[in-house]
C-alpha atoms as a PDB file:
ATOM      1  CA  MET A   1     196.887 -17.449  48.475  1.00  0.00           C
ATOM      2  CA  GLY A   2     193.613 -19.225  49.161  1.00  0.00           C
ATOM      3  CA  PHE A   3     191.047 -19.932  46.676  1.00  0.00           C
ATOM      4  CA  PHE A   4     188.639 -17.055  48.181  1.00  0.00           C
ATOM      5  CA  ASP A   5     191.306 -14.749  48.567  1.00  0.00           C
ATOM      6  CA  SER A   6     191.925 -14.498  44.856  1.00  0.00           C
ATOM      7  CA  GLU A   7     190.363 -10.808  43.684  1.00  0.00           C
ATOM      8  CA  ILE A   8     189.253 -12.656  40.378  1.00  0.00           C
ATOM      9  CA  VAL A   9     187.186 -15.520  42.370  1.00  0.00           C
ATOM     10  CA  GLN A  10     185.595 -12.937  44.392  1.00  0.00           C
ATOM     11  CA  GLN A  11     184.507 -11.169  41.306  1.00  0.00           C
ATOM     12  CA  GLU A  12     183.124 -14.048  39.438  1.00  0.00           C
ATOM     13  CA  LEU A  13     181.479 -15.327  42.456  1.00  0.00           C
ATOM     14  CA  LYS A  14     179.583 -12.302  42.976  1.00  0.00           C
ATOM     15  CA  GLN A  15     178.697 -11.419  39.533  1.00  0.00           C
ATOM     16  CA  LEU A  16     177.397 -15.194  39.380  1.00  0.00           C
ATOM     17  CA  ALA A  17     175.386 -14.620  42.355  1.00  0.00           C
ATOM     18  CA  GLU A  18     173.986 -11.163  41.249  1.00  0.00           C
ATOM     19  CA  ASP A  19     173.335 -12.370  37.711  1.00  0.00           C
ATOM     20  CA  TYR A  20     171.149 -15.616  38.953  1.00  0.00           C
ATOM     21  CA  GLN A  21     169.427 -13.674  41.612  1.00  0.00           C
ATOM     22  CA  SER A  22     168.370 -11.104  38.300  1.00  0.00           C
ATOM     23  CA  LEU A  23     167.317 -14.547  36.185  1.00  0.00           C
ATOM     24  CA  ILE A  24     165.353 -15.457  38.867  1.00  0.00           C
ATOM     25  CA  GLN A  25     163.531 -12.164  39.525  1.00  0.00           C
ATOM     26  CA  LEU A  26     163.156 -11.888  35.882  1.00  0.00           C
ATOM     27  CA  GLY A  27     161.785 -15.685  35.977  1.00  0.00           C
ATOM     28  CA  ASN A  28     158.581 -14.159  38.203  1.00  0.00           C
ATOM     29  CA  ASN A  29     157.460 -13.065  34.462  1.00  0.00           C
ATOM     30  CA  TYR A  30     157.899 -15.376  31.918  1.00  0.00           C
ATOM     31  CA  GLY A  31     154.422 -16.036  31.195  1.00  0.00           C
ATOM     32  CA  LYS A  32     154.498 -12.403  29.785  1.00  0.00           C
ATOM     33  CA  PHE A  33     157.605 -12.485  27.824  1.00  0.00           C
ATOM     34  CA  ASP A  34     156.916 -13.247  24.097  1.00  0.00           C
ATOM     35  CA  ARG A  35     158.564 -16.061  22.286  1.00  0.00           C
ATOM     36  CA  GLU A  36     162.011 -14.371  21.504  1.00  0.00           C
ATOM     37  CA  GLY A  37     161.981 -12.775  25.511  1.00  0.00           C
ATOM     38  CA  LYS A  38     161.674 -16.547  26.348  1.00  0.00           C
ATOM     39  CA  LYS A  39     164.202 -17.898  24.087  1.00  0.00           C
ATOM     40  CA  LEU A  40     166.729 -15.418  25.247  1.00  0.00           C
ATOM     41  CA  PHE A  41     165.541 -16.224  28.769  1.00  0.00           C
ATOM     42  CA  ILE A  42     166.143 -19.900  28.401  1.00  0.00           C
ATOM     43  CA  GLU A  43     169.821 -19.024  26.621  1.00  0.00           C
ATOM     44  CA  GLN A  44     170.695 -16.863  30.018  1.00  0.00           C
ATOM     45  CA  TRP A  45     169.952 -19.732  32.023  1.00  0.00           C
ATOM     46  CA  GLU A  46     171.990 -22.168  29.955  1.00  0.00           C
ATOM     47  CA  GLY A  47     174.742 -19.636  30.165  1.00  0.00           C
ATOM     48  CA  ILE A  48     174.467 -19.213  33.756  1.00  0.00           C
ATOM     49  CA  MET A  49     174.259 -22.995  34.656  1.00  0.00           C
ATOM     50  CA  GLU A  50     177.481 -23.375  32.457  1.00  0.00           C
ATOM     51  CA  ARG A  51     179.297 -20.534  34.570  1.00  0.00           C
ATOM     52  CA  TYR A  52     178.012 -22.733  37.500  1.00  0.00           C
ATOM     53  CA  ARG A  53     179.130 -25.933  36.245  1.00  0.00           C
ATOM     54  CA  ILE A  54     182.509 -24.332  35.414  1.00  0.00           C
ATOM     55  CA  PHE A  55     183.117 -23.035  38.907  1.00  0.00           C
ATOM     56  CA  MET A  56     182.094 -25.663  40.671  1.00  0.00           C
ATOM     57  CA  LYS A  57     184.839 -27.541  38.854  1.00  0.00           C
ATOM     58  CA  ARG A  58     187.359 -25.181  39.973  1.00  0.00           C
ATOM     59  CA  PHE A  59     186.217 -26.100  43.299  1.00  0.00           C
ATOM     60  CA  GLU A  60     186.653 -29.717  42.891  1.00  0.00           C
ATOM     61  CA  LEU A  61     189.962 -28.992  41.516  1.00  0.00           C
ATOM     62  CA  SER A  62     191.160 -26.788  43.702  1.00  0.00           C
ATOM     63  CA  GLU A  63     193.659 -28.116  46.527  1.00  0.00           C
ATOM     64  CA  ASP A  64     192.574 -24.924  48.742  1.00  0.00           C
ATOM     65  CA  PHE A  65     190.830 -26.533  52.301  1.00  0.00           C
ATOM     66  CA  MET A  66     187.734 -23.580  52.058  1.00  0.00           C
ATOM     67  CA  ALA A  67     187.180 -24.834  48.297  1.00  0.00           C
ATOM     68  CA  GLN A  68     187.106 -28.198  49.122  1.00  0.00           C
ATOM     69  CA  MET A  69     184.967 -27.633  52.183  1.00  0.00           C
ATOM     70  CA  THR A  70     181.939 -25.681  49.973  1.00  0.00           C
ATOM     71  CA  ILE A  71     181.903 -28.596  47.724  1.00  0.00           C
ATOM     72  CA  GLN A  72     181.450 -30.931  50.631  1.00  0.00           C
ATOM     73  CA  GLN A  73     178.718 -28.417  52.378  1.00  0.00           C
ATOM     74  CA  LEU A  74     176.761 -28.476  48.684  1.00  0.00           C
ATOM     75  CA  ARG A  75     177.348 -32.138  48.396  1.00  0.00           C
ATOM     76  CA  THR A  76     175.671 -32.324  52.130  1.00  0.00           C
ATOM     77  CA  GLN A  77     173.015 -30.035  51.196  1.00  0.00           C
ATOM     78  CA  LEU A  78     171.959 -31.591  48.160  1.00  0.00           C
ATOM     79  CA  GLY A  79     172.348 -34.736  49.886  1.00  0.00           C
ATOM     80  CA  GLN A  80     169.628 -33.936  51.893  1.00  0.00           C
ATOM     81  CA  PHE A  81     166.939 -33.658  49.259  1.00  0.00           C
ATOM     82  CA  GLY A  82     168.793 -36.694  47.866  1.00  0.00           C
ATOM     83  CA  ILE A  83     170.346 -35.613  44.529  1.00  0.00           C
ATOM     84  CA  THR A  84     174.101 -34.792  43.768  1.00  0.00           C
ATOM     85  CA  PRO A  85     175.258 -32.045  41.970  1.00  0.00           C
ATOM     86  CA  GLN A  86     175.346 -33.734  38.592  1.00  0.00           C
ATOM     87  CA  GLN A  87     171.660 -34.653  39.159  1.00  0.00           C
ATOM     88  CA  MET A  88     171.119 -31.400  39.965  1.00  0.00           C
ATOM     89  CA  PHE A  89     172.618 -30.023  36.665  1.00  0.00           C
ATOM     90  CA  ASP A  90     171.048 -32.795  34.893  1.00  0.00           C
ATOM     91  CA  GLN A  91     167.628 -31.847  36.423  1.00  0.00           C
ATOM     92  CA  MET A  92     168.035 -28.111  35.332  1.00  0.00           C
ATOM     93  CA  ASN A  93     169.063 -28.977  31.998  1.00  0.00           C
ATOM     94  CA  LEU A  94     165.754 -31.060  31.632  1.00  0.00           C
ATOM     95  CA  THR A  95     164.147 -28.418  32.925  1.00  0.00           C
ATOM     96  CA  LEU A  96     165.778 -26.231  30.072  1.00  0.00           C
ATOM     97  CA  GLU A  97     165.047 -28.789  27.638  1.00  0.00           C
ATOM     98  CA  ARG A  98     161.340 -28.965  28.560  1.00  0.00           C
ATOM     99  CA  MET A  99     161.207 -25.327  28.260  1.00  0.00           C
ATOM    100  CA  LYS A 100     162.461 -25.292  24.969  1.00  0.00           C
ATOM    101  CA  ALA A 101     160.152 -28.002  23.494  1.00  0.00           C
ATOM    102  CA  GLU A 102     157.137 -26.055  24.988  1.00  0.00           C
ATOM    103  CA  LEU A 103     158.492 -22.842  23.275  1.00  0.00           C
ATOM    104  CA  GLU A 104     158.513 -24.891  19.682  1.00  0.00           C
ATOM    105  CA  LYS A 105     154.983 -26.043  19.734  1.00  0.00           C
ATOM    106  CA  GLN A 106     153.685 -22.078  20.072  1.00  0.00           C
ATOM    107  CA  PRO A 107     152.877 -20.375  17.164  1.00  0.00           C
END
C-alpha cells in the first residue's frame, strides 16, 4: 500500500489542512483578541507546526515514491524563495516567539 493510500494518512492530512485554514482565517482577527485569546491562538499555531513537522518527518522516512516526490516538491518550492524546510520551521518558531514576547509586554 502506498503512503497516500492509507486512510489514516488521508484523514490526518485532511484534518491538518482544515485546522491550518481555520487558524489562518482566525488570524485575521488577531488584533481584536484579548490576552488569553492571543495566548490560545499562539498555542494552537505551535500545535499545528508540531503536527506538520511530524508529518514531514513521516514523508521523509517513507520509502513510498509519492511521499518522496512530495518532499522534493516542497523543497523545490521553498528553494524558489531561498529557504529550506528547516528554515521555514525555524522562521515560524521565531515568529511565534516574537508574538509571545509582545504578549508578555502587554499589561
